[in-house]
Amino acid sequence: MTIQQLIPTEGEICILGYGREGRAMLEYLRKHLPLLRIQVNDGNPDLKAEDKWENDPRVHFVCGEKYLEDLHRFPVIIKSPGIPHHLLQGKTGEARVVSQTEIFLQMFAHQTIGITGTKGKSTTSSLIHHFLKAGGKKTLLLGNIGVPAISRADEIDEDTLIVFELSSHQLEDTCVSPHISLLLNIYEEHLDHYPSYEAYQQAKYNIARFQQSEDYFIYHASHPVLQKLIHEHPLRSKIVPYDFGYSQGIMVYYEGETLHAMLEENHYRMGNLNNFTLKGEHNRLNLLGATAAALLCGVSPETLEQALTNFQALPHRLEYVGCFGGKHFYNDSIATIPEAAIQAMKALGHVDVWIGGGYNRGIHYQPLVDYLTEHPVGVVALTGKAGEIIQEGLLQKGYPGIIFWKDNFKELVNEAIKHTPEGGICLLSPAAASYDAFKNFEERGDIFKKIVSGANP
C-alpha cells in the first residue's frame, strides 16, 4: 500500500506528540501529501515549531495543557507511542487513531523482520542486520535502534529487507504484523505505562497476532510467558521455535558449545559458540533468534558461521569499559529490569562490586534480592527509589556483603571504585530505569564510563 491509500490526500489530520516519530511523520507527510493540512498537538507548552514550518500555511501547532481538547474533529490521528491510550478516552470521537508503526507496516510488512522483547531487542536486531549484510542482502536497520522508520521509507525498494526493532509502545497501536516476527522474552517492565503486566504482554504479542499463514513467528520455546500466550492466543503463522537444546520442532538450538540448525530436514552444525564475541546465556539466546531469522531470509549456514565470529557488542550492553588502576569495569546500563542484571552477573561469573538502582516503575525486585542473597557480591552500591527497595529487601534477608546507598550518581560510582579490589570487577547493571536522574540509559552509561576512566563527566 502507498501513503496516499492510507491517509487522506486532502483535508486535515492530527499528529499527536512531537517527539522523534512525530517530527519524522510531519516531514514525510509534507513531502508526499502536499495538499494535506496537519495540526501537531503536544503537551509541552514550551514547544515551538522549527523555522521551516513557521510560515507553512498547512502546518499548525497546538501545545500545552489544551493539546487534547480538539481531537474529536479530525478523521485521522497519528499518535506517538509514548502517549498512553487512557489519556484519549472520550476525546477522539469518530477519529481513526493510528501510529507511524502501523502506517509503515501497512506499506512494508511483507518485507519486514520485526523484533521485540523486554530485553535483547537492539542486540538481536543488530545481529540480524549483520547476518543479512554478510549474506549479500540489501537491508535497512530501523526502529528504536536507529532513526524513525518512516524517515527511511523512500530508500526502500522491493528487494530491501527491513530489520525493525519494535517496542511495546509502538506495537500496542498496530493491527498489522511483520512477515517475520521474533519475540525474544517478556518480563515485568513499563508498568508505569500499562494498567497491568497482562496488558504489557498483549502489546508485545501484537508483533505476531495479525500474521497470516505465509508468515513466520520465531520465539524462545521454553519461555513460560511466551508458551502461555501462544496457548491462549493461537496464531495463523508458521511457528519457528528455538531453544537451548534440541527437541521435536526446534529449528535452531545449541548443545554444548556448538550452534545447530534444522533446515528443511537437513542438519547443520554452525560453529563453536566460544567464537561468539558476546558474553552470557541471554546473548546466546539472542543469537539463536537472530540465526533463525537470517536462515528464513535465505542466508546460508556457512555464511552465518563466519559472520557470528566478527559481530561487535553494542554500547551499554555488558560493555567492557576497560582496566583502570588495575580494576575492571563493565557498563550494562541497558539493564533496566532485575532479570537483565541477574543475567549480567551470571555472564561475568564473579562480580566484586555491583552498582544498581534508579527510577522505580513498580517492578518486583524480590527475584533480584533472592539471587543476590544466594550469590552475594562483595559490595552492593545503590541509588534511587529502586535502590531503596533493593536495599530494604537485602537487609531483611540478612545480606552478608557491604551495602551502601547514595543519592548522587557520581558519588556512588566513586565510592564503588574505592571498594573494587585490584584485579576485581565493578559492574553497572542497574535493574532500573534511568530517568529519575538522566535523559536515558545511554547518558547514564556514558557518565559511568567517564567517571571510571578518570575523565570529567
Protein backbone atom coordinates (compact mmCIF):
# COMPACT_ATOMS: atom_id res chain seq x y z
CA MET A 1 0.00 0.00 0.00
CA THR A 2 1.06 3.60 -0.50
CA ILE A 3 0.75 6.54 1.87
CA GLN A 4 -1.90 8.01 -0.44
CA GLN A 5 -4.05 4.91 0.17
CA LEU A 6 -3.66 5.11 3.92
CA ILE A 7 -4.03 8.82 4.71
CA PRO A 8 -6.46 11.38 3.20
CA THR A 9 -4.70 13.34 0.47
CA GLU A 10 -6.62 16.50 1.40
CA GLY A 11 -8.47 17.83 4.45
CA GLU A 12 -6.83 17.93 7.88
CA ILE A 13 -5.33 15.34 10.21
CA CYS A 14 -3.57 15.48 13.60
CA ILE A 15 -0.11 14.33 14.60
CA LEU A 16 -0.38 13.74 18.34
CA GLY A 17 3.03 14.03 20.00
CA TYR A 18 6.04 15.79 18.53
CA GLY A 19 9.00 13.66 19.53
CA ARG A 20 11.29 11.85 17.09
CA GLU A 21 8.44 9.96 15.41
CA GLY A 22 6.17 13.00 15.25
CA ARG A 23 8.86 15.09 13.57
CA ALA A 24 9.66 12.34 11.06
CA MET A 25 5.95 11.87 10.29
CA LEU A 26 5.43 15.56 9.62
CA GLU A 27 8.42 15.65 7.25
CA TYR A 28 7.17 12.61 5.35
CA LEU A 29 3.56 13.80 5.03
CA ARG A 30 4.52 17.29 3.86
CA LYS A 31 6.69 15.72 1.15
CA HIS A 32 4.21 13.12 -0.08
CA LEU A 33 0.81 14.76 0.64
CA PRO A 34 1.38 18.44 -0.13
CA LEU A 35 -2.34 19.36 -0.06
CA LEU A 36 -2.97 17.86 3.37
CA ARG A 37 -3.36 20.22 6.34
CA ILE A 38 -1.64 18.97 9.51
CA GLN A 39 -2.16 20.03 13.10
CA VAL A 40 0.55 18.98 15.57
CA ASN A 41 -0.67 18.59 19.16
CA ASP A 42 1.83 18.21 22.01
CA GLY A 43 1.63 18.66 25.77
CA ASN A 44 4.89 20.59 26.03
CA PRO A 45 3.92 24.29 26.47
CA ASP A 46 7.43 25.42 25.50
CA LEU A 47 7.46 23.55 22.20
CA LYS A 48 7.87 25.76 19.18
CA ALA A 49 7.74 24.82 15.52
CA GLU A 50 11.03 24.71 13.65
CA ASP A 51 11.62 27.63 11.30
CA LYS A 52 10.72 25.55 8.26
CA TRP A 53 7.11 25.17 9.49
CA GLU A 54 6.61 28.63 10.96
CA ASN A 55 5.32 30.13 7.73
CA ASP A 56 3.79 26.97 6.29
CA PRO A 57 0.02 27.64 5.98
CA ARG A 58 -0.73 23.89 6.05
CA VAL A 59 1.02 23.19 9.37
CA HIS A 60 -0.41 24.35 12.72
CA PHE A 61 0.84 23.65 16.27
CA VAL A 62 -1.29 23.36 19.43
CA CYS A 63 0.91 22.94 22.51
CA GLY A 64 0.39 22.93 26.24
CA GLU A 65 -2.34 21.75 28.58
CA LYS A 66 -5.13 22.04 25.95
CA TYR A 67 -3.44 19.75 23.43
CA LEU A 68 -6.09 17.03 23.84
CA GLU A 69 -9.16 19.25 23.57
CA ASP A 70 -9.98 19.26 19.83
CA LEU A 71 -9.04 15.72 18.81
CA HIS A 72 -12.62 14.74 18.01
CA ARG A 73 -12.71 16.93 14.87
CA PHE A 74 -10.02 15.01 12.95
CA PRO A 75 -10.77 11.99 10.73
CA VAL A 76 -7.27 10.59 11.44
CA ILE A 77 -4.97 10.98 14.46
CA ILE A 78 -1.40 9.68 14.18
CA LYS A 79 -0.48 9.04 17.82
CA SER A 80 3.09 8.92 19.08
CA PRO A 81 3.94 5.76 21.06
CA GLY A 82 4.72 7.50 24.35
CA ILE A 83 1.18 8.83 24.84
CA PRO A 84 -0.91 6.32 26.88
CA HIS A 85 -4.31 5.39 25.46
CA HIS A 86 -6.13 6.19 28.69
CA LEU A 87 -5.43 9.90 28.10
CA LEU A 88 -7.55 9.77 24.94
CA GLN A 89 -10.67 8.17 26.41
CA GLY A 90 -13.76 10.15 25.41
CA LYS A 91 -11.71 12.71 23.44
CA THR A 92 -11.27 11.28 19.94
CA GLY A 93 -14.88 10.95 18.77
CA GLU A 94 -15.05 9.11 15.41
CA ALA A 95 -11.38 9.67 14.62
CA ARG A 96 -9.26 6.75 13.41
CA VAL A 97 -6.27 6.60 15.78
CA VAL A 98 -3.21 5.08 14.11
CA SER A 99 0.54 5.06 14.69
CA GLN A 100 3.55 5.61 12.50
CA THR A 101 4.44 1.94 13.04
CA GLU A 102 1.07 0.79 11.72
CA ILE A 103 1.33 3.07 8.68
CA PHE A 104 4.84 1.80 7.95
CA LEU A 105 3.83 -1.85 8.32
CA GLN A 106 0.79 -1.35 6.10
CA MET A 107 3.26 -0.28 3.44
CA PHE A 108 6.12 -2.73 4.04
CA ALA A 109 5.09 -5.62 6.36
CA HIS A 110 5.71 -8.20 3.61
CA GLN A 111 9.45 -7.44 3.62
CA THR A 112 9.92 -6.70 7.33
CA ILE A 113 11.60 -8.72 10.08
CA GLY A 114 10.20 -7.34 13.34
CA ILE A 115 11.98 -7.88 16.66
CA THR A 116 10.64 -7.26 20.13
CA GLY A 117 11.18 -8.43 23.69
CA THR A 118 11.70 -6.84 27.07
CA LYS A 119 15.46 -7.28 26.70
CA GLY A 120 17.78 -8.06 23.81
CA LYS A 121 15.94 -6.20 21.03
CA SER A 122 18.81 -3.98 19.92
CA THR A 123 21.47 -6.68 20.08
CA THR A 124 19.30 -9.16 18.17
CA SER A 125 18.23 -6.59 15.57
CA SER A 126 21.87 -5.66 15.02
CA LEU A 127 22.81 -9.34 14.72
CA ILE A 128 20.14 -9.95 12.08
CA HIS A 129 21.23 -6.85 10.14
CA HIS A 130 24.85 -8.04 10.38
CA PHE A 131 23.92 -11.52 9.13
CA LEU A 132 21.84 -10.21 6.23
CA LYS A 133 24.66 -7.92 5.09
CA ALA A 134 27.11 -10.83 5.32
CA GLY A 135 24.72 -12.80 3.11
CA GLY A 136 24.74 -10.06 0.46
CA LYS A 137 21.20 -8.86 1.16
CA LYS A 138 20.06 -5.25 0.81
CA THR A 139 18.88 -4.34 4.30
CA LEU A 140 17.89 -1.41 6.50
CA LEU A 141 18.03 -1.35 10.32
CA LEU A 142 15.14 0.76 11.65
CA GLY A 143 13.06 1.48 14.73
CA ASN A 144 14.17 2.17 18.29
CA ILE A 145 17.76 1.36 17.42
CA GLY A 146 18.02 3.90 14.62
CA VAL A 147 16.02 6.66 13.02
CA PRO A 148 12.19 6.56 12.88
CA ALA A 149 11.15 4.06 10.25
CA ILE A 150 9.09 6.45 8.11
CA SER A 151 12.09 8.71 7.53
CA ARG A 152 13.81 5.91 5.56
CA ALA A 153 10.74 4.82 3.61
CA ASP A 154 11.85 6.46 0.37
CA GLU A 155 15.01 4.30 0.34
CA ILE A 156 13.06 1.03 0.29
CA ASP A 157 12.55 -0.95 -2.90
CA GLU A 158 11.11 -4.42 -3.45
CA ASP A 159 14.47 -6.11 -2.71
CA THR A 160 15.05 -4.36 0.63
CA LEU A 161 14.81 -6.45 3.80
CA ILE A 162 13.79 -4.25 6.73
CA VAL A 163 15.03 -5.14 10.23
CA PHE A 164 12.64 -3.29 12.54
CA GLU A 165 13.21 -3.10 16.30
CA LEU A 166 9.80 -2.61 17.92
CA SER A 167 8.90 -1.51 21.44
CA SER A 168 5.67 -2.41 23.22
CA HIS A 169 4.59 1.23 22.89
CA GLN A 170 4.90 1.00 19.10
CA LEU A 171 3.19 -2.38 18.93
CA GLU A 172 0.20 -1.54 21.11
CA ASP A 173 -1.19 0.72 18.38
CA THR A 174 -0.80 -1.71 15.47
CA CYS A 175 -3.17 -4.09 13.74
CA VAL A 176 -0.53 -5.30 11.26
CA SER A 177 2.31 -7.73 11.97
CA PRO A 178 5.61 -8.18 10.10
CA HIS A 179 6.19 -11.07 7.71
CA ILE A 180 8.84 -12.47 10.07
CA SER A 181 8.30 -11.71 13.75
CA LEU A 182 10.70 -12.51 16.58
CA LEU A 183 9.58 -12.32 20.22
CA LEU A 184 12.60 -12.82 22.48
CA ASN A 185 11.16 -12.68 26.01
CA ILE A 186 8.71 -10.84 28.24
CA TYR A 187 9.45 -9.66 31.79
CA GLU A 188 7.86 -7.02 34.00
CA GLU A 189 8.61 -3.56 32.64
CA HIS A 190 6.83 -0.29 31.76
CA LEU A 191 4.25 -0.88 34.49
CA ASP A 192 4.05 2.89 34.82
CA HIS A 193 2.57 2.98 31.29
CA TYR A 194 0.31 -0.09 31.23
CA PRO A 195 -2.61 -0.85 33.57
CA SER A 196 -1.25 -4.37 34.19
CA TYR A 197 1.53 -6.81 33.33
CA GLU A 198 -1.02 -8.68 31.20
CA ALA A 199 -1.69 -5.54 29.13
CA TYR A 200 2.05 -5.19 28.52
CA GLN A 201 2.23 -8.82 27.37
CA GLN A 202 -0.67 -8.32 24.98
CA ALA A 203 1.00 -5.25 23.46
CA LYS A 204 4.16 -7.27 22.81
CA TYR A 205 2.14 -10.11 21.27
CA ASN A 206 0.82 -7.79 18.58
CA ILE A 207 4.08 -8.46 16.76
CA ALA A 208 2.56 -11.81 15.69
CA ARG A 209 -1.17 -11.52 16.40
CA PHE A 210 -2.09 -10.29 12.90
CA GLN A 211 0.18 -12.56 10.88
CA GLN A 212 -1.21 -14.77 8.11
CA SER A 213 -0.44 -18.36 7.09
CA GLU A 214 2.52 -17.37 4.89
CA ASP A 215 4.25 -15.51 7.74
CA TYR A 216 6.71 -16.75 10.40
CA PHE A 217 6.77 -16.36 14.18
CA ILE A 218 10.12 -17.05 15.90
CA TYR A 219 10.16 -17.40 19.68
CA HIS A 220 12.07 -18.89 22.62
CA ALA A 221 10.29 -22.22 23.07
CA SER A 222 10.81 -22.68 26.82
CA HIS A 223 10.00 -19.13 27.94
CA PRO A 224 6.89 -19.62 30.14
CA VAL A 225 5.15 -16.32 29.29
CA LEU A 226 5.53 -16.94 25.55
CA GLN A 227 4.28 -20.51 25.93
CA LYS A 228 1.19 -19.22 27.71
CA LEU A 229 0.49 -16.54 25.10
CA ILE A 230 0.72 -18.99 22.20
CA HIS A 231 -1.50 -21.49 24.01
CA GLU A 232 -4.17 -18.91 24.86
CA HIS A 233 -3.97 -16.95 21.59
CA PRO A 234 -3.12 -19.37 18.74
CA LEU A 235 -1.55 -17.83 15.64
CA ARG A 236 -2.18 -18.35 11.94
CA SER A 237 1.51 -18.10 11.04
CA LYS A 238 4.23 -20.75 10.83
CA ILE A 239 5.77 -21.25 14.29
CA VAL A 240 9.59 -21.35 14.45
CA PRO A 241 10.87 -22.15 17.96
CA TYR A 242 14.47 -22.00 19.20
CA ASP A 243 15.91 -23.23 22.50
CA PHE A 244 18.98 -24.33 24.47
CA GLY A 245 18.75 -27.97 23.35
CA TYR A 246 17.06 -29.98 20.63
CA SER A 247 13.53 -31.32 20.83
CA GLN A 248 10.92 -32.03 18.19
CA GLY A 249 10.15 -28.98 16.07
CA ILE A 250 13.07 -26.82 17.26
CA MET A 251 14.74 -25.04 14.32
CA VAL A 252 17.83 -23.51 15.94
CA TYR A 253 19.50 -24.66 19.15
CA TYR A 254 22.86 -25.21 20.76
CA GLU A 255 24.25 -28.24 22.54
CA GLY A 256 27.44 -27.91 24.49
CA GLU A 257 29.30 -25.15 22.67
CA THR A 258 28.00 -25.91 19.17
CA LEU A 259 25.28 -24.00 17.31
CA HIS A 260 22.90 -26.23 15.33
CA ALA A 261 20.08 -25.67 12.85
CA MET A 262 17.45 -27.93 11.32
CA LEU A 263 16.59 -26.52 7.90
CA GLU A 264 14.24 -28.39 5.58
CA GLU A 265 15.14 -31.66 7.36
CA ASN A 266 18.87 -31.00 6.90
CA HIS A 267 21.05 -30.75 9.99
CA TYR A 268 23.76 -28.07 10.09
CA ARG A 269 26.50 -27.52 12.64
CA MET A 270 27.31 -23.82 12.53
CA GLY A 271 30.37 -23.23 14.61
CA ASN A 272 31.63 -23.08 18.16
CA LEU A 273 29.89 -20.56 20.40
CA ASN A 274 33.16 -19.81 22.12
CA ASN A 275 33.90 -17.80 18.97
CA PHE A 276 30.82 -15.61 19.58
CA THR A 277 32.02 -12.29 20.98
CA LEU A 278 29.08 -11.57 23.34
CA LYS A 279 29.06 -12.91 26.89
CA GLY A 280 26.21 -14.63 28.69
CA GLU A 281 23.44 -17.12 28.18
CA HIS A 282 21.00 -14.32 27.34
CA ASN A 283 23.16 -13.31 24.38
CA ARG A 284 23.30 -16.89 23.19
CA LEU A 285 19.52 -16.88 23.14
CA ASN A 286 19.61 -13.62 21.16
CA LEU A 287 21.97 -15.34 18.71
CA LEU A 288 19.59 -18.29 18.28
CA GLY A 289 16.68 -15.99 17.40
CA ALA A 290 18.79 -13.93 15.01
CA THR A 291 20.11 -17.08 13.33
CA ALA A 292 16.58 -18.39 12.75
CA ALA A 293 15.52 -15.07 11.16
CA ALA A 294 18.58 -14.97 8.89
CA LEU A 295 18.06 -18.56 7.75
CA LEU A 296 14.43 -17.78 6.85
CA CYS A 297 15.73 -14.85 4.77
CA GLY A 298 17.99 -17.13 2.75
CA VAL A 299 21.36 -16.57 4.42
CA SER A 300 23.38 -19.79 4.24
CA PRO A 301 24.56 -21.67 7.35
CA GLU A 302 28.15 -21.33 6.11
CA THR A 303 27.83 -17.53 5.93
CA LEU A 304 26.31 -17.37 9.40
CA GLU A 305 29.11 -19.48 10.88
CA GLN A 306 31.65 -16.97 9.60
CA ALA A 307 29.59 -13.88 10.50
CA LEU A 308 28.94 -14.77 14.14
CA THR A 309 32.67 -14.53 14.91
CA ASN A 310 33.07 -10.84 13.97
CA PHE A 311 29.98 -9.23 15.48
CA GLN A 312 30.78 -6.49 17.98
CA ALA A 313 28.68 -5.72 21.06
CA LEU A 314 26.65 -2.53 21.18
CA PRO A 315 27.49 0.16 23.76
CA HIS A 316 25.89 -0.08 27.24
CA ARG A 317 25.21 -3.82 26.86
CA LEU A 318 27.67 -5.60 29.11
CA GLU A 319 30.28 -3.34 27.54
CA TYR A 320 33.82 -3.75 28.80
CA VAL A 321 34.90 -0.20 29.60
CA GLY A 322 38.49 -1.05 30.45
CA CYS A 323 41.01 -1.65 33.20
CA PHE A 324 41.79 1.45 35.25
CA GLY A 325 44.01 1.35 38.31
CA GLY A 326 44.18 -2.41 37.92
CA LYS A 327 40.38 -2.67 38.24
CA HIS A 328 37.96 -3.93 35.55
CA PHE A 329 34.77 -2.02 34.73
CA TYR A 330 31.66 -3.12 32.80
CA ASN A 331 28.85 -0.86 31.61
CA ASP A 332 25.47 -2.60 31.34
CA SER A 333 23.31 0.50 31.66
CA ILE A 334 20.69 -1.02 29.30
CA ALA A 335 19.76 -3.41 32.15
CA THR A 336 16.57 -1.73 33.41
CA ILE A 337 14.89 -4.81 34.91
CA PRO A 338 16.02 -7.31 37.57
CA GLU A 339 16.29 -10.24 35.12
CA ALA A 340 18.79 -8.32 32.97
CA ALA A 341 21.02 -7.50 35.95
CA ILE A 342 20.95 -11.15 37.03
CA GLN A 343 21.98 -12.28 33.54
CA ALA A 344 24.86 -9.78 33.52
CA MET A 345 26.19 -11.10 36.85
CA LYS A 346 25.86 -14.68 35.61
CA ALA A 347 27.67 -13.82 32.38
CA LEU A 348 30.68 -12.32 34.19
CA GLY A 349 30.83 -15.19 36.66
CA HIS A 350 32.33 -13.17 39.50
CA VAL A 351 31.49 -9.56 40.39
CA ASP A 352 33.15 -7.72 43.27
CA VAL A 353 31.04 -4.53 43.20
CA TRP A 354 27.57 -4.23 41.69
CA ILE A 355 26.02 -0.80 41.04
CA GLY A 356 22.21 -0.81 40.86
CA GLY A 357 19.03 1.14 41.40
CA GLY A 358 17.37 4.14 39.82
CA TYR A 359 13.80 5.09 38.95
CA ASN A 360 11.09 2.87 40.44
CA ARG A 361 8.38 1.83 37.93
CA GLY A 362 6.57 -0.60 40.19
CA ILE A 363 8.63 -3.64 39.17
CA HIS A 364 9.02 -6.52 41.65
CA TYR A 365 12.61 -6.75 42.90
CA GLN A 366 12.30 -9.89 45.00
CA PRO A 367 13.86 -12.17 42.32
CA LEU A 368 16.96 -9.94 42.30
CA VAL A 369 17.10 -9.85 46.10
CA ASP A 370 16.83 -13.64 46.20
CA TYR A 371 19.56 -14.05 43.58
CA LEU A 372 21.97 -11.72 45.38
CA THR A 373 21.30 -13.45 48.68
CA GLU A 374 22.16 -16.82 47.12
CA HIS A 375 25.07 -15.44 45.05
CA PRO A 376 26.35 -12.47 47.05
CA VAL A 377 28.78 -9.94 45.63
CA GLY A 378 31.21 -8.22 47.98
CA VAL A 379 29.71 -4.75 47.69
CA VAL A 380 26.26 -3.55 46.58
CA ALA A 381 26.14 0.15 45.64
CA LEU A 382 22.62 1.54 45.23
CA THR A 383 20.80 4.71 44.24
CA GLY A 384 17.26 5.96 43.60
CA LYS A 385 13.91 4.69 44.85
CA ALA A 386 14.53 1.31 43.24
CA GLY A 387 17.81 1.15 45.15
CA GLU A 388 15.97 1.78 48.41
CA ILE A 389 13.64 -1.13 47.67
CA ILE A 390 16.56 -3.45 46.86
CA GLN A 391 18.45 -2.33 49.98
CA GLU A 392 15.46 -2.99 52.22
CA GLY A 393 14.98 -6.45 50.71
CA LEU A 394 18.63 -7.38 51.15
CA LEU A 395 18.73 -6.16 54.76
CA GLN A 396 15.64 -8.21 55.56
CA LYS A 397 17.44 -11.24 54.16
CA GLY A 398 20.50 -10.58 56.32
CA TYR A 399 22.73 -9.89 53.33
CA PRO A 400 26.35 -10.78 54.21
CA GLY A 401 28.10 -8.18 52.00
CA ILE A 402 28.55 -4.41 52.22
CA ILE A 403 25.56 -2.30 51.13
CA PHE A 404 25.51 1.45 50.69
CA TRP A 405 23.08 3.91 49.09
CA LYS A 406 23.79 7.37 47.71
CA ASP A 407 21.51 9.89 46.04
CA ASN A 408 24.26 11.35 43.82
CA PHE A 409 25.34 9.04 40.98
CA LYS A 410 28.89 10.42 40.70
CA GLU A 411 29.45 9.96 44.43
CA LEU A 412 28.00 6.44 44.17
CA VAL A 413 30.36 5.43 41.36
CA ASN A 414 33.42 6.95 43.04
CA GLU A 415 32.63 5.07 46.24
CA ALA A 416 32.15 1.88 44.20
CA ILE A 417 35.57 2.39 42.61
CA LYS A 418 37.18 2.67 46.07
CA HIS A 419 35.58 -0.63 47.12
CA THR A 420 36.68 -2.50 43.97
CA PRO A 421 39.81 -4.54 44.71
CA GLU A 422 42.78 -4.58 42.33
CA GLY A 423 42.07 -7.21 39.70
CA GLY A 424 38.38 -7.15 40.62
CA ILE A 425 35.25 -6.37 38.61
CA CYS A 426 32.88 -3.43 39.08
CA LEU A 427 29.61 -3.80 37.17
CA LEU A 428 26.98 -1.14 36.42
CA SER A 429 23.81 -3.12 35.70
CA PRO A 430 21.12 -1.06 37.43
CA ALA A 431 17.95 -3.22 37.16
CA ALA A 432 16.05 0.07 37.00
CA ALA A 433 15.21 2.88 34.60
CA SER A 434 17.43 5.96 34.47
CA TYR A 435 15.03 8.85 34.11
CA ASP A 436 14.99 9.90 37.76
CA ALA A 437 18.45 11.40 37.11
CA PHE A 438 19.28 11.03 33.39
CA LYS A 439 17.68 11.53 29.98
CA ASN A 440 18.07 7.83 29.18
CA PHE A 441 20.19 4.78 29.87
CA GLU A 442 22.78 5.92 27.31
CA GLU A 443 23.51 9.10 29.25
CA ARG A 444 23.81 7.08 32.48
CA GLY A 445 26.24 4.67 30.83
CA ASP A 446 28.32 7.42 29.25
CA ILE A 447 28.71 9.22 32.58
CA PHE A 448 29.70 5.95 34.26
CA LYS A 449 32.39 5.38 31.62
CA LYS A 450 33.78 8.89 32.07
CA ILE A 451 33.93 8.56 35.86
CA VAL A 452 35.71 5.21 35.93
CA SER A 453 38.19 6.24 33.22
CA GLY A 454 39.09 9.41 35.12
CA ALA A 455 37.53 11.77 32.59
CA ASN A 456 35.43 14.74 33.70
CA PRO A 457 31.77 13.63 33.38
